Amino acid sequence: MQGVFYRATAKEVGQALDLKGWVKNTKDGHVESIVSGSEKALQQYIEWCRKGPEKAIVNSINVTSIQEEKFDDFKVIRG
């Protein structure tokens, strides 16, 4: 996913949906994100993640529910 602005665009989408959390690249080259917000906004974010930004190629995503975490904003974590 290098060079397609997936993380930056995920942050923009998350902020537009009033979600809080983070997005980062993993050591194995995948993208990981933990977000909290309304169920509707979370579903919209998940749908966006399935496609990603225009130049991204998304093969699959895994969605896992975890105990809600509280975040102050939505940020990109750099490794």
Protein backbone atom coordinates (compact mmCIF):
# COMPACT_ATOMS: atom_id res chain seq x y z
CA MET A 1 0.00 0.00 0.00
CA GLN A 2 2.99 2.28 -0.22
CA GLY A 3 2.43 5.61 -1.94
CA VAL A 4 -1.35 5.52 -2.25
CA PHE A 5 -2.03 7.70 0.82
CA TYR A 6 -4.16 5.02 2.48
CA ARG A 7 -3.38 6.15 6.05
CA ALA A 8 -3.76 9.86 5.35
CA THR A 9 -7.05 9.30 3.55
CA ALA A 10 -8.27 6.93 6.27
CA LYS A 11 -7.64 9.73 8.77
CA GLU A 12 -9.60 12.21 6.64
CA VAL A 13 -12.49 9.75 6.25
CA GLY A 14 -12.46 8.95 9.97
CA GLN A 15 -12.49 12.62 10.92
CA ALA A 16 -15.32 13.35 8.46
CA LEU A 17 -17.34 10.57 10.12
CA ASP A 18 -16.54 11.97 13.59
CA LEU A 19 -14.60 8.84 14.53
CA LYS A 20 -11.74 8.83 17.00
CA GLY A 21 -8.75 6.49 16.91
CA TRP A 22 -5.70 5.78 14.81
CA VAL A 23 -4.34 4.15 11.66
CA LYS A 24 -0.81 2.81 11.07
CA ASN A 25 1.32 0.58 8.88
CA THR A 26 2.33 -2.72 10.45
CA LYS A 27 5.82 -4.23 10.18
CA ASP A 28 4.53 -6.77 7.66
CA GLY A 29 3.25 -4.06 5.30
CA HIS A 30 -0.43 -4.12 6.21
CA VAL A 31 -2.53 -1.27 7.56
CA GLU A 32 -4.10 -1.45 11.03
CA SER A 33 -6.71 0.89 12.47
CA ILE A 34 -8.58 1.10 15.76
CA VAL A 35 -11.51 3.50 15.85
CA SER A 36 -14.50 4.30 18.00
CA GLY A 37 -17.72 6.12 17.21
CA SER A 38 -21.33 5.53 16.30
CA GLU A 39 -22.30 2.19 14.76
CA LYS A 40 -23.38 3.91 11.53
CA ALA A 41 -20.09 5.80 11.22
CA LEU A 42 -18.10 2.65 11.96
CA GLN A 43 -19.93 0.77 9.21
CA GLN A 44 -19.23 3.59 6.75
CA TYR A 45 -15.55 3.57 7.70
CA ILE A 46 -15.38 -0.21 7.24
CA GLU A 47 -16.95 0.10 3.80
CA TRP A 48 -14.42 2.77 2.86
CA CYS A 49 -11.58 0.54 4.14
CA ARG A 50 -12.74 -2.24 1.79
CA LYS A 51 -11.98 0.08 -1.17
CA GLY A 52 -9.39 2.53 0.15
CA PRO A 53 -8.24 5.56 -1.81
CA GLU A 54 -8.35 5.61 -5.59
CA LYS A 55 -4.96 3.99 -6.29
CA ALA A 56 -5.13 1.39 -3.51
CA ILE A 57 -5.53 -2.31 -4.10
CA VAL A 58 -7.30 -3.85 -1.10
CA ASN A 59 -7.30 -7.62 -1.11
CA SER A 60 -9.16 -8.13 2.16
CA ILE A 61 -9.88 -6.59 5.52
CA ASN A 62 -10.42 -8.16 8.92
CA VAL A 63 -12.86 -6.53 11.32
CA THR A 64 -12.69 -7.35 15.01
CA SER A 65 -14.77 -5.91 17.83
CA ILE A 66 -12.82 -5.02 20.94
CA GLN A 67 -13.67 -3.30 24.18
CA GLU A 68 -14.19 0.36 23.38
CA GLU A 69 -11.22 2.61 23.83
CA LYS A 70 -11.46 6.36 24.31
CA PHE A 71 -9.46 8.58 21.97
CA ASP A 72 -9.22 12.36 21.77
CA ASP A 73 -8.82 12.56 18.00
CA PHE A 74 -7.99 10.54 14.89
CA LYS A 75 -4.32 10.29 14.01
CA VAL A 76 -1.82 8.54 11.81
CA ILE A 77 0.76 6.66 13.86
CA ARG A 78 4.14 6.53 12.21
CA GLY A 79 6.29 3.58 12.96
